[in-house]
């Protein structure tokens, strides 16, 4: 699948990721935790999504450093996670 990723498909996935992220935020209570995770190493699907989310949702803050797992280090396709908390 990763070899079939086109710029158009990536843009479509980013829209889905942004929607899922925002919907998760809607269901996160004050003081609650929100984790955004992907099986991707692309900044456009990871750090860029988190930065866009934080700009649109200032009531959330990172609570620890993002987690990155590279294919070389994990023998996987890669992994990313961001850990956020909603202000009380």
C-alpha atoms as a PDB file:
ATOM      1  CA  UNK A   1       0.000   0.000   0.000  1.00  0.00           C
ATOM      2  CA  UNK A   2       2.719   2.493   0.859  1.00  0.00           C
ATOM      3  CA  UNK A   3       3.983   2.453  -2.716  1.00  0.00           C
ATOM      4  CA  UNK A   4       0.529   3.475  -3.971  1.00  0.00           C
ATOM      5  CA  UNK A   5       0.414   6.667  -1.921  1.00  0.00           C
ATOM      6  CA  UNK A   6      -0.140   9.576  -4.290  1.00  0.00           C
ATOM      7  CA  UNK A   7      -0.187  13.287  -3.416  1.00  0.00           C
ATOM      8  CA  UNK A   8      -3.969  13.230  -3.884  1.00  0.00           C
ATOM      9  CA  UNK A   9      -4.420  10.252  -1.570  1.00  0.00           C
ATOM     10  CA  UNK A  10      -2.130  11.838   1.028  1.00  0.00           C
ATOM     11  CA  UNK A  11      -4.239  15.013   0.979  1.00  0.00           C
ATOM     12  CA  UNK A  12      -7.370  12.887   1.418  1.00  0.00           C
ATOM     13  CA  UNK A  13      -5.813  11.035   4.358  1.00  0.00           C
ATOM     14  CA  UNK A  14      -4.793  14.308   5.992  1.00  0.00           C
ATOM     15  CA  UNK A  15      -8.423  15.453   5.862  1.00  0.00           C
ATOM     16  CA  UNK A  16      -9.544  12.222   7.497  1.00  0.00           C
ATOM     17  CA  UNK A  17      -6.809  12.484  10.134  1.00  0.00           C
ATOM     18  CA  UNK A  18      -7.739  16.090  10.932  1.00  0.00           C
ATOM     19  CA  UNK A  19     -11.403  15.130  11.294  1.00  0.00           C
ATOM     20  CA  UNK A  20     -10.612  12.163  13.559  1.00  0.00           C
ATOM     21  CA  UNK A  21      -8.285  14.302  15.672  1.00  0.00           C
ATOM     22  CA  UNK A  22     -10.907  17.045  16.092  1.00  0.00           C
ATOM     23  CA  UNK A  23     -13.633  14.496  16.847  1.00  0.00           C
ATOM     24  CA  UNK A  24     -11.428  12.916  19.511  1.00  0.00           C
ATOM     25  CA  UNK A  25     -10.928  16.359  21.027  1.00  0.00           C
ATOM     26  CA  UNK A  26     -14.680  16.867  21.166  1.00  0.00           C
ATOM     27  CA  UNK A  27     -14.943  13.742  23.322  1.00  0.00           C
ATOM     28  CA  UNK A  28     -12.020  14.606  25.617  1.00  0.00           C
ATOM     29  CA  UNK A  29     -13.109  16.007  28.965  1.00  0.00           C
ATOM     30  CA  UNK A  30     -11.208  18.825  30.674  1.00  0.00           C
ATOM     31  CA  UNK A  31      -8.103  17.286  32.218  1.00  0.00           C
ATOM     32  CA  UNK A  32      -8.418  14.315  29.848  1.00  0.00           C
ATOM     33  CA  UNK A  33      -5.711  12.814  27.662  1.00  0.00           C
ATOM     34  CA  UNK A  34      -5.725  12.521  23.871  1.00  0.00           C
ATOM     35  CA  UNK A  35      -3.249  10.412  21.902  1.00  0.00           C
ATOM     36  CA  UNK A  36      -2.802  10.914  18.169  1.00  0.00           C
ATOM     37  CA  UNK A  37      -1.036   7.960  16.554  1.00  0.00           C
ATOM     38  CA  UNK A  38      -0.268   6.856  13.017  1.00  0.00           C
ATOM     39  CA  UNK A  39       1.585   4.060  11.283  1.00  0.00           C
ATOM     40  CA  UNK A  40       3.496   6.622   9.252  1.00  0.00           C
ATOM     41  CA  UNK A  41       6.829   8.408   9.296  1.00  0.00           C
ATOM     42  CA  UNK A  42       5.678  11.311   7.100  1.00  0.00           C
ATOM     43  CA  UNK A  43       5.718  14.707   8.838  1.00  0.00           C
ATOM     44  CA  UNK A  44       2.609  15.689   6.820  1.00  0.00           C
ATOM     45  CA  UNK A  45       0.692  12.918   8.597  1.00  0.00           C
ATOM     46  CA  UNK A  46       2.346  13.421  11.963  1.00  0.00           C
ATOM     47  CA  UNK A  47       3.959  16.618  13.230  1.00  0.00           C
ATOM     48  CA  UNK A  48       2.094  18.783  10.710  1.00  0.00           C
ATOM     49  CA  UNK A  49      -1.269  17.347  11.806  1.00  0.00           C
ATOM     50  CA  UNK A  50      -0.427  17.935  15.478  1.00  0.00           C
ATOM     51  CA  UNK A  51       0.690  21.525  14.854  1.00  0.00           C
ATOM     52  CA  UNK A  52      -2.490  22.256  12.875  1.00  0.00           C
ATOM     53  CA  UNK A  53      -4.581  20.674  15.635  1.00  0.00           C
ATOM     54  CA  UNK A  54      -2.883  22.677  18.392  1.00  0.00           C
ATOM     55  CA  UNK A  55      -3.349  25.908  16.433  1.00  0.00           C
ATOM     56  CA  UNK A  56      -7.085  25.188  16.143  1.00  0.00           C
ATOM     57  CA  UNK A  57      -7.493  23.776  19.676  1.00  0.00           C
ATOM     58  CA  UNK A  58      -5.455  25.951  22.084  1.00  0.00           C
ATOM     59  CA  UNK A  59      -7.025  24.227  25.086  1.00  0.00           C
ATOM     60  CA  UNK A  60      -4.743  21.227  24.378  1.00  0.00           C
ATOM     61  CA  UNK A  61      -1.041  21.005  25.162  1.00  0.00           C
ATOM     62  CA  UNK A  62       1.628  18.391  24.584  1.00  0.00           C
ATOM     63  CA  UNK A  63       2.256  16.496  27.795  1.00  0.00           C
ATOM     64  CA  UNK A  64       5.395  14.632  26.761  1.00  0.00           C
ATOM     65  CA  UNK A  65       7.670  14.379  23.742  1.00  0.00           C
ATOM     66  CA  UNK A  66       6.307  12.819  20.588  1.00  0.00           C
ATOM     67  CA  UNK A  67       7.204   9.177  20.000  1.00  0.00           C
ATOM     68  CA  UNK A  68       8.838   8.190  16.706  1.00  0.00           C
ATOM     69  CA  UNK A  69       9.684   4.644  15.661  1.00  0.00           C
ATOM     70  CA  UNK A  70      11.645   4.420  12.441  1.00  0.00           C
ATOM     71  CA  UNK A  71      11.492   1.422  10.122  1.00  0.00           C
ATOM     72  CA  UNK A  72      15.222   0.907  10.546  1.00  0.00           C
ATOM     73  CA  UNK A  73      14.989   0.773  14.340  1.00  0.00           C
ATOM     74  CA  UNK A  74      11.838  -1.342  14.620  1.00  0.00           C
ATOM     75  CA  UNK A  75      11.707  -3.468  11.450  1.00  0.00           C
ATOM     76  CA  UNK A  76       8.227  -2.023  10.875  1.00  0.00           C
ATOM     77  CA  UNK A  77       6.719   0.556   8.536  1.00  0.00           C
ATOM     78  CA  UNK A  78       7.208   3.186  11.232  1.00  0.00           C
ATOM     79  CA  UNK A  79       5.067   4.668  13.945  1.00  0.00           C
ATOM     80  CA  UNK A  80       4.315   8.071  15.483  1.00  0.00           C
ATOM     81  CA  UNK A  81       2.378   9.212  18.547  1.00  0.00           C
ATOM     82  CA  UNK A  82       1.688  12.589  20.136  1.00  0.00           C
ATOM     83  CA  UNK A  83       0.417  12.870  23.702  1.00  0.00           C
ATOM     84  CA  UNK A  84      -1.869  15.774  24.566  1.00  0.00           C
ATOM     85  CA  UNK A  85      -3.884  16.898  27.574  1.00  0.00           C
ATOM     86  CA  UNK A  86      -6.920  19.144  27.584  1.00  0.00           C
ATOM     87  CA  UNK A  87      -6.677  21.964  30.091  1.00  0.00           C
ATOM     88  CA  UNK A  88      -8.900  21.622  33.150  1.00  0.00           C
END
